[in-house]
Amino acid sequence: MTDPTIGFRRWYYMNTPGEPDSLLIDLSSDGVNWVRARTIRESHPDWHPELIRVKDYVVPGAAVRVRFIAQDEGVSGIVEAAIDDLELHDAALLPTHVGEGPETPPHAVLGAPRPNPASRTTTITLRLKDAGRAHVAVYDIAGRFVALLHSGNATAGLLPLTWDGRDSRGRQAASGVYWIRADAGGEKVARRFVLAR
């Protein structure tokens, strides 16, 4: 990659601001020597997007690592931290659209599952630019089919979908990581979520 960039969302909560608690985000080019990229000491109990340009901290290469450290160093404090939607992309390949007019929206967009993690039911929306056939299903981490959420025609706009945490035979699915995958409008999109019973 010319300009490797790490994107993610972070959740960080502490009930005692001022304590020495923190969420640390480090980068390494070799897995041995680490450089601090972020130090979060303020409570943000919501999903906050972050982008880290790798070459601002370490020399890009195949051995680059990122680590997240949630520290609870206070005597009686509570710290909650989570990372989601972790992705790596080449910022140099992102279109700028300067002088090209508005960007053409994608044919299919799969929203983030809510809630995530989910203990029973999760809801997700599929947004279609045009009416057409859509196939949406749940798969386990190994790629095995678990449940069908929609298969057939769908109108343009939002298609709300719900999974009750059961497989195609009506049995409760086990706790773990799952994927919701949609094939619609000539595009294949997917979202990861966690079922935690």
Protein backbone atom coordinates (compact mmCIF):
# COMPACT_ATOMS: atom_id res chain seq x y z
CA MET A 1 0.00 0.00 0.00
CA THR A 2 1.15 3.52 -0.73
CA ASP A 3 -0.60 5.12 2.24
CA PRO A 4 -1.78 2.36 4.63
CA THR A 5 -4.44 3.62 7.02
CA ILE A 6 -6.10 1.84 9.94
CA GLY A 7 -9.75 2.65 10.57
CA PHE A 8 -11.86 1.53 13.52
CA ARG A 9 -14.48 2.59 16.04
CA ARG A 10 -13.67 2.75 19.73
CA TRP A 11 -15.81 2.72 22.86
CA TYR A 12 -14.18 3.93 26.06
CA TYR A 13 -15.87 4.57 29.40
CA MET A 14 -14.53 5.24 32.87
CA ASN A 15 -16.61 6.26 35.85
CA THR A 16 -13.86 8.18 37.66
CA PRO A 17 -12.30 10.84 35.41
CA GLY A 18 -8.97 12.01 36.73
CA GLU A 19 -7.80 8.55 37.70
CA PRO A 20 -4.77 7.20 35.78
CA ASP A 21 -6.99 5.08 33.53
CA SER A 22 -6.49 5.21 29.76
CA LEU A 23 -6.99 3.54 26.40
CA LEU A 24 -3.66 3.26 24.57
CA ILE A 25 -3.23 2.56 20.86
CA ASP A 26 0.25 1.57 19.69
CA LEU A 27 1.83 0.72 16.34
CA SER A 28 4.88 -1.39 15.59
CA SER A 29 6.76 -2.08 12.38
CA ASP A 30 8.30 -5.29 13.75
CA GLY A 31 6.11 -6.48 16.67
CA VAL A 32 8.91 -5.65 19.14
CA ASN A 33 9.34 -1.86 19.21
CA TRP A 34 6.12 0.09 19.75
CA VAL A 35 5.16 3.73 19.09
CA ARG A 36 2.22 5.39 20.85
CA ALA A 37 -0.37 6.62 18.32
CA ARG A 38 -3.20 7.57 20.69
CA THR A 39 -3.68 8.07 24.44
CA ILE A 40 -7.35 8.44 25.37
CA ARG A 41 -8.03 9.62 28.92
CA GLU A 42 -11.53 11.06 28.45
CA SER A 43 -14.67 8.99 28.84
CA HIS A 44 -16.51 8.49 25.51
CA PRO A 45 -19.33 5.96 26.13
CA ASP A 46 -20.29 5.81 22.45
CA TRP A 47 -18.76 4.53 19.20
CA HIS A 48 -16.12 7.06 18.15
CA PRO A 49 -14.49 6.71 14.68
CA GLU A 50 -10.69 6.82 14.42
CA LEU A 51 -8.26 6.85 11.49
CA ILE A 52 -4.53 6.26 11.95
CA ARG A 53 -2.14 6.90 9.07
CA VAL A 54 0.53 4.21 9.55
CA LYS A 55 3.46 6.13 8.08
CA ASP A 56 2.92 8.97 10.54
CA TYR A 57 4.23 6.60 13.24
CA VAL A 58 6.18 3.67 11.77
CA VAL A 59 7.67 2.55 8.46
CA PRO A 60 4.92 0.66 6.56
CA GLY A 61 5.58 -3.00 5.80
CA ALA A 62 4.19 -6.52 6.02
CA ALA A 63 5.08 -6.83 9.74
CA VAL A 64 3.12 -3.78 10.97
CA ARG A 65 1.05 -4.49 14.10
CA VAL A 66 -1.50 -2.47 16.06
CA ARG A 67 -2.39 -3.08 19.71
CA PHE A 68 -5.06 -1.68 22.01
CA ILE A 69 -4.48 -1.51 25.77
CA ALA A 70 -7.30 -0.60 28.18
CA GLN A 71 -5.78 0.27 31.55
CA ASP A 72 -7.74 0.23 34.80
CA GLU A 73 -5.20 1.63 37.22
CA GLY A 74 -7.60 3.38 39.58
CA VAL A 75 -8.35 1.94 43.01
CA SER A 76 -12.11 1.55 42.63
CA GLY A 77 -12.78 2.69 39.08
CA ILE A 78 -14.63 1.02 36.26
CA VAL A 79 -13.17 0.93 32.76
CA GLU A 80 -14.98 -0.40 29.70
CA ALA A 81 -13.28 -0.46 26.31
CA ALA A 82 -14.12 -2.00 22.94
CA ILE A 83 -12.88 -1.85 19.35
CA ASP A 84 -15.10 -2.63 16.34
CA ASP A 85 -15.19 -2.30 12.54
CA LEU A 86 -11.39 -2.62 12.29
CA GLU A 87 -10.21 -2.22 8.70
CA LEU A 88 -7.04 -1.50 6.78
CA HIS A 89 -7.14 0.46 3.53
CA ASP A 90 -4.88 2.41 1.21
CA ALA A 91 -5.82 6.07 1.57
CA ALA A 92 -3.95 6.83 -1.67
CA LEU A 93 -6.58 4.85 -3.61
CA LEU A 94 -9.60 6.71 -2.23
CA PRO A 95 -11.23 8.88 -4.91
CA THR A 96 -11.16 12.62 -4.29
CA HIS A 97 -13.93 13.52 -6.80
CA VAL A 98 -12.50 17.01 -7.20
CA GLY A 99 -14.35 18.65 -10.07
CA GLU A 100 -16.17 15.41 -10.92
CA GLY A 101 -19.55 16.23 -9.45
CA PRO A 102 -21.31 14.23 -6.72
CA GLU A 103 -20.24 10.69 -5.94
CA THR A 104 -22.51 7.96 -7.28
CA PRO A 105 -24.07 6.09 -4.35
CA PRO A 106 -23.48 2.33 -4.18
CA HIS A 107 -26.25 -0.02 -5.32
CA ALA A 108 -26.42 -1.78 -1.94
CA VAL A 109 -25.41 -0.66 1.56
CA LEU A 110 -25.67 -2.90 4.62
CA GLY A 111 -26.03 -0.93 7.85
CA ALA A 112 -24.32 -1.81 11.12
CA PRO A 113 -26.10 -4.50 13.17
CA ARG A 114 -27.89 -3.12 16.24
CA PRO A 115 -27.16 -3.98 18.95
CA ASN A 116 -23.67 -5.37 18.50
CA PRO A 117 -22.87 -7.46 20.50
CA ALA A 118 -26.38 -8.91 20.70
CA SER A 119 -27.73 -11.31 23.33
CA ARG A 120 -30.83 -12.38 21.40
CA THR A 121 -32.10 -10.29 18.49
CA THR A 122 -30.15 -8.05 16.14
CA THR A 123 -31.54 -5.69 13.51
CA ILE A 124 -29.86 -4.59 10.31
CA THR A 125 -30.96 -2.52 7.32
CA LEU A 126 -30.21 -3.09 3.66
CA ARG A 127 -30.43 0.09 1.58
CA LEU A 128 -30.97 -0.46 -2.13
CA LYS A 129 -30.49 2.20 -4.79
CA ASP A 130 -32.86 0.38 -7.17
CA ALA A 131 -35.55 -2.26 -6.79
CA GLY A 132 -34.44 -5.81 -7.54
CA ARG A 133 -33.60 -9.19 -6.11
CA ALA A 134 -31.81 -9.41 -2.79
CA HIS A 135 -30.43 -12.34 -0.81
CA VAL A 136 -29.43 -11.77 2.83
CA ALA A 137 -28.24 -14.54 5.15
CA VAL A 138 -26.32 -15.17 8.35
CA TYR A 139 -23.10 -17.22 8.33
CA ASP A 140 -20.84 -18.37 11.15
CA ILE A 141 -17.16 -17.46 11.43
CA ALA A 142 -16.21 -20.51 9.34
CA GLY A 143 -18.52 -19.39 6.50
CA ARG A 144 -21.25 -21.99 7.14
CA PHE A 145 -24.85 -20.97 6.44
CA VAL A 146 -26.88 -20.34 9.61
CA ALA A 147 -30.11 -18.55 8.73
CA LEU A 148 -31.88 -16.82 5.83
CA LEU A 149 -33.11 -13.27 6.47
CA HIS A 150 -34.44 -12.40 2.99
CA SER A 151 -34.50 -13.90 -0.47
CA GLY A 152 -36.55 -12.38 -3.25
CA ASN A 153 -37.59 -9.04 -4.65
CA ALA A 154 -37.04 -5.84 -2.67
CA THR A 155 -38.08 -2.28 -3.35
CA ALA A 156 -35.64 0.63 -3.58
CA GLY A 157 -34.85 2.23 -0.24
CA LEU A 158 -34.52 0.67 3.20
CA LEU A 159 -35.24 -2.99 3.88
CA PRO A 160 -35.19 -3.61 7.67
CA LEU A 161 -34.20 -7.15 8.67
CA THR A 162 -34.13 -8.92 12.03
CA TRP A 163 -32.37 -12.07 13.17
CA ASP A 164 -33.71 -13.72 16.31
CA GLY A 165 -30.51 -15.65 17.02
CA ARG A 166 -31.88 -18.96 15.72
CA ASP A 167 -30.59 -21.13 12.89
CA SER A 168 -32.62 -22.35 9.92
CA ARG A 169 -33.99 -25.23 12.03
CA GLY A 170 -35.20 -22.96 14.83
CA ARG A 171 -32.41 -23.83 17.25
CA GLN A 172 -30.64 -21.12 19.23
CA ALA A 173 -27.27 -20.32 17.68
CA ALA A 174 -24.23 -20.51 19.92
CA SER A 175 -22.38 -17.46 21.17
CA GLY A 176 -19.68 -16.30 18.78
CA VAL A 177 -18.83 -14.17 15.76
CA TYR A 178 -21.23 -14.16 12.80
CA TRP A 179 -21.48 -12.45 9.42
CA ILE A 180 -24.59 -11.03 7.77
CA ARG A 181 -24.01 -11.11 4.01
CA ALA A 182 -26.13 -9.48 1.34
CA ASP A 183 -26.06 -10.07 -2.41
CA ALA A 184 -28.08 -7.31 -4.06
CA GLY A 185 -27.82 -4.83 -6.92
CA GLY A 186 -24.87 -6.72 -8.36
CA GLU A 187 -22.88 -6.12 -5.15
CA LYS A 188 -21.87 -8.33 -2.26
CA VAL A 189 -21.64 -6.65 1.14
CA ALA A 190 -21.17 -8.05 4.64
CA ARG A 191 -21.24 -6.99 8.28
CA ARG A 192 -19.70 -8.77 11.26
CA PHE A 193 -21.38 -9.00 14.63
CA VAL A 194 -21.11 -10.90 17.89
CA LEU A 195 -23.79 -13.03 19.50
CA ALA A 196 -23.16 -13.13 23.26
CA ARG A 197 -25.71 -15.10 25.24
